[in-house]
């Protein structure tokens, strides 16, 4: 296998590629390989890896409420489900449980009980 190195990549471009890789559930290396494969196929007059009718579905919602954010190499949809910010999750849990739970056995008691039951 050949190793390619790209030097002096501007930080905004590198960050954009990292975010794109995360959206597609790939490593940065995997995302770059996908981009190179698509470019090589297009340059060779081949068929793009993602058909036009498939790319039009990106951003649409599935029956389960997930958003299609892309497609993998086999044409299977990559979906994003239930994304919330940490702040949203914190606010929901704070509303549901305004006070800490202080009752019940401690973790030490649970571990001792489990150990002693063996």
C-alpha atoms as a PDB file:
ATOM      1  CA  UNK A   1       0.000   0.000   0.000  1.00  0.00           C
ATOM      2  CA  UNK A   2       1.144   3.520  -0.752  1.00  0.00           C
ATOM      3  CA  UNK A   3       1.229   6.164   1.973  1.00  0.00           C
ATOM      4  CA  UNK A   4       0.156   9.696   1.096  1.00  0.00           C
ATOM      5  CA  UNK A   5       0.942  12.715   3.254  1.00  0.00           C
ATOM      6  CA  UNK A   6      -0.716  16.115   3.025  1.00  0.00           C
ATOM      7  CA  UNK A   7       1.281  18.930   4.572  1.00  0.00           C
ATOM      8  CA  UNK A   8       0.275  22.410   5.703  1.00  0.00           C
ATOM      9  CA  UNK A   9      -3.481  21.788   5.823  1.00  0.00           C
ATOM     10  CA  UNK A  10      -5.217  24.957   7.085  1.00  0.00           C
ATOM     11  CA  UNK A  11      -6.822  24.346  10.486  1.00  0.00           C
ATOM     12  CA  UNK A  12     -10.365  25.391   9.365  1.00  0.00           C
ATOM     13  CA  UNK A  13     -10.212  22.839   6.533  1.00  0.00           C
ATOM     14  CA  UNK A  14      -8.878  20.127   8.842  1.00  0.00           C
ATOM     15  CA  UNK A  15     -11.657  20.836  11.358  1.00  0.00           C
ATOM     16  CA  UNK A  16     -14.271  20.687   8.583  1.00  0.00           C
ATOM     17  CA  UNK A  17     -12.931  17.282   7.530  1.00  0.00           C
ATOM     18  CA  UNK A  18     -12.983  16.030  11.138  1.00  0.00           C
ATOM     19  CA  UNK A  19     -16.621  17.097  11.491  1.00  0.00           C
ATOM     20  CA  UNK A  20     -17.516  15.489   8.176  1.00  0.00           C
ATOM     21  CA  UNK A  21     -15.842  12.249   9.294  1.00  0.00           C
ATOM     22  CA  UNK A  22     -17.801  12.320  12.566  1.00  0.00           C
ATOM     23  CA  UNK A  23     -21.088  12.887  10.708  1.00  0.00           C
ATOM     24  CA  UNK A  24     -20.318   9.875   8.515  1.00  0.00           C
ATOM     25  CA  UNK A  25     -19.247   7.748  11.507  1.00  0.00           C
ATOM     26  CA  UNK A  26     -15.726   7.351  10.134  1.00  0.00           C
ATOM     27  CA  UNK A  27     -12.226   8.106  11.253  1.00  0.00           C
ATOM     28  CA  UNK A  28     -10.475  11.008   9.548  1.00  0.00           C
ATOM     29  CA  UNK A  29      -8.402   8.440   7.622  1.00  0.00           C
ATOM     30  CA  UNK A  30     -11.567   6.631   6.497  1.00  0.00           C
ATOM     31  CA  UNK A  31     -13.241   9.874   5.441  1.00  0.00           C
ATOM     32  CA  UNK A  32     -10.209  10.941   3.406  1.00  0.00           C
ATOM     33  CA  UNK A  33     -10.083   7.498   1.755  1.00  0.00           C
ATOM     34  CA  UNK A  34     -13.771   7.810   0.838  1.00  0.00           C
ATOM     35  CA  UNK A  35     -13.205  11.264  -0.694  1.00  0.00           C
ATOM     36  CA  UNK A  36     -10.233   9.988  -2.693  1.00  0.00           C
ATOM     37  CA  UNK A  37     -12.183   6.928  -3.915  1.00  0.00           C
ATOM     38  CA  UNK A  38     -15.094   9.112  -5.070  1.00  0.00           C
ATOM     39  CA  UNK A  39     -12.735  11.516  -6.851  1.00  0.00           C
ATOM     40  CA  UNK A  40     -10.870   8.665  -8.559  1.00  0.00           C
ATOM     41  CA  UNK A  41     -14.111   7.065  -9.747  1.00  0.00           C
ATOM     42  CA  UNK A  42     -15.474  10.374 -11.031  1.00  0.00           C
ATOM     43  CA  UNK A  43     -12.187  11.127 -12.821  1.00  0.00           C
ATOM     44  CA  UNK A  44     -12.182   7.672 -14.413  1.00  0.00           C
ATOM     45  CA  UNK A  45     -15.721   8.217 -15.711  1.00  0.00           C
ATOM     46  CA  UNK A  46     -17.078   5.649 -13.300  1.00  0.00           C
ATOM     47  CA  UNK A  47     -20.339   5.734 -11.475  1.00  0.00           C
ATOM     48  CA  UNK A  48     -20.254   7.747  -8.229  1.00  0.00           C
ATOM     49  CA  UNK A  49     -20.350   5.635  -5.087  1.00  0.00           C
ATOM     50  CA  UNK A  50     -23.544   7.401  -3.928  1.00  0.00           C
ATOM     51  CA  UNK A  51     -26.278   7.510  -6.599  1.00  0.00           C
ATOM     52  CA  UNK A  52     -28.157  10.781  -7.175  1.00  0.00           C
ATOM     53  CA  UNK A  53     -31.460   9.338  -5.938  1.00  0.00           C
ATOM     54  CA  UNK A  54     -29.725   8.362  -2.711  1.00  0.00           C
ATOM     55  CA  UNK A  55     -28.074  11.743  -2.082  1.00  0.00           C
ATOM     56  CA  UNK A  56     -31.452  13.438  -2.370  1.00  0.00           C
ATOM     57  CA  UNK A  57     -32.562  11.424   0.685  1.00  0.00           C
ATOM     58  CA  UNK A  58     -29.782  12.841   2.871  1.00  0.00           C
ATOM     59  CA  UNK A  59     -31.337  15.019   5.540  1.00  0.00           C
ATOM     60  CA  UNK A  60     -34.701  13.251   5.322  1.00  0.00           C
ATOM     61  CA  UNK A  61     -36.232  11.442   8.280  1.00  0.00           C
ATOM     62  CA  UNK A  62     -36.813   7.708   8.474  1.00  0.00           C
ATOM     63  CA  UNK A  63     -39.936   6.044   9.858  1.00  0.00           C
ATOM     64  CA  UNK A  64     -38.242   5.742  13.255  1.00  0.00           C
ATOM     65  CA  UNK A  65     -37.554   9.482  13.409  1.00  0.00           C
ATOM     66  CA  UNK A  66     -33.828   9.227  12.668  1.00  0.00           C
ATOM     67  CA  UNK A  67     -32.184  11.638  10.229  1.00  0.00           C
ATOM     68  CA  UNK A  68     -30.216  10.192   7.314  1.00  0.00           C
ATOM     69  CA  UNK A  69     -26.801  11.904   7.313  1.00  0.00           C
ATOM     70  CA  UNK A  70     -25.077   9.829   4.640  1.00  0.00           C
ATOM     71  CA  UNK A  71     -24.521   6.376   3.198  1.00  0.00           C
ATOM     72  CA  UNK A  72     -21.789   3.837   3.770  1.00  0.00           C
ATOM     73  CA  UNK A  73     -19.860   1.990   1.056  1.00  0.00           C
ATOM     74  CA  UNK A  74     -22.571  -0.663   0.765  1.00  0.00           C
ATOM     75  CA  UNK A  75     -25.290   1.945   0.247  1.00  0.00           C
ATOM     76  CA  UNK A  76     -26.747   1.481   3.731  1.00  0.00           C
ATOM     77  CA  UNK A  77     -28.038   4.709   5.330  1.00  0.00           C
ATOM     78  CA  UNK A  78     -26.065   6.267   8.165  1.00  0.00           C
ATOM     79  CA  UNK A  79     -28.579   7.764  10.570  1.00  0.00           C
ATOM     80  CA  UNK A  80     -28.430  10.130  13.497  1.00  0.00           C
ATOM     81  CA  UNK A  81     -30.905   9.491  16.279  1.00  0.00           C
ATOM     82  CA  UNK A  82     -31.877  11.476  19.332  1.00  0.00           C
ATOM     83  CA  UNK A  83     -29.040  13.964  19.349  1.00  0.00           C
ATOM     84  CA  UNK A  84     -29.250  16.427  22.205  1.00  0.00           C
ATOM     85  CA  UNK A  85     -26.680  18.739  23.664  1.00  0.00           C
ATOM     86  CA  UNK A  86     -25.272  18.061  27.123  1.00  0.00           C
ATOM     87  CA  UNK A  87     -27.081  21.160  28.347  1.00  0.00           C
ATOM     88  CA  UNK A  88     -30.443  19.833  27.095  1.00  0.00           C
ATOM     89  CA  UNK A  89     -29.899  16.458  28.754  1.00  0.00           C
ATOM     90  CA  UNK A  90     -28.812  18.144  31.999  1.00  0.00           C
ATOM     91  CA  UNK A  91     -31.899  20.400  32.021  1.00  0.00           C
ATOM     92  CA  UNK A  92     -34.237  17.436  31.434  1.00  0.00           C
ATOM     93  CA  UNK A  93     -32.659  15.361  34.198  1.00  0.00           C
ATOM     94  CA  UNK A  94     -32.626  18.342  36.582  1.00  0.00           C
ATOM     95  CA  UNK A  95     -36.360  18.855  35.947  1.00  0.00           C
ATOM     96  CA  UNK A  96     -37.080  15.157  36.450  1.00  0.00           C
ATOM     97  CA  UNK A  97     -34.856  14.748  39.523  1.00  0.00           C
ATOM     98  CA  UNK A  98     -34.549  18.142  41.239  1.00  0.00           C
ATOM     99  CA  UNK A  99     -32.999  16.681  44.390  1.00  0.00           C
ATOM    100  CA  UNK A 100     -30.225  14.076  44.620  1.00  0.00           C
ATOM    101  CA  UNK A 101     -31.316  10.568  45.581  1.00  0.00           C
ATOM    102  CA  UNK A 102     -29.957   9.978  49.083  1.00  0.00           C
ATOM    103  CA  UNK A 103     -31.985   6.926  50.073  1.00  0.00           C
ATOM    104  CA  UNK A 104     -31.127   3.327  49.366  1.00  0.00           C
ATOM    105  CA  UNK A 105     -28.073   1.173  49.974  1.00  0.00           C
ATOM    106  CA  UNK A 106     -24.617   2.526  49.335  1.00  0.00           C
ATOM    107  CA  UNK A 107     -22.387   1.059  46.651  1.00  0.00           C
ATOM    108  CA  UNK A 108     -20.153  -0.394  49.371  1.00  0.00           C
ATOM    109  CA  UNK A 109     -23.087  -2.281  50.880  1.00  0.00           C
ATOM    110  CA  UNK A 110     -24.106  -3.625  47.457  1.00  0.00           C
ATOM    111  CA  UNK A 111     -20.575  -4.822  46.684  1.00  0.00           C
ATOM    112  CA  UNK A 112     -20.222  -6.508  50.079  1.00  0.00           C
ATOM    113  CA  UNK A 113     -23.614  -8.216  49.722  1.00  0.00           C
ATOM    114  CA  UNK A 114     -22.661  -9.473  46.259  1.00  0.00           C
ATOM    115  CA  UNK A 115     -19.259 -10.682  47.458  1.00  0.00           C
ATOM    116  CA  UNK A 116     -20.728 -12.436  50.494  1.00  0.00           C
ATOM    117  CA  UNK A 117     -23.394 -14.198  48.434  1.00  0.00           C
ATOM    118  CA  UNK A 118     -20.740 -16.180  46.501  1.00  0.00           C
END
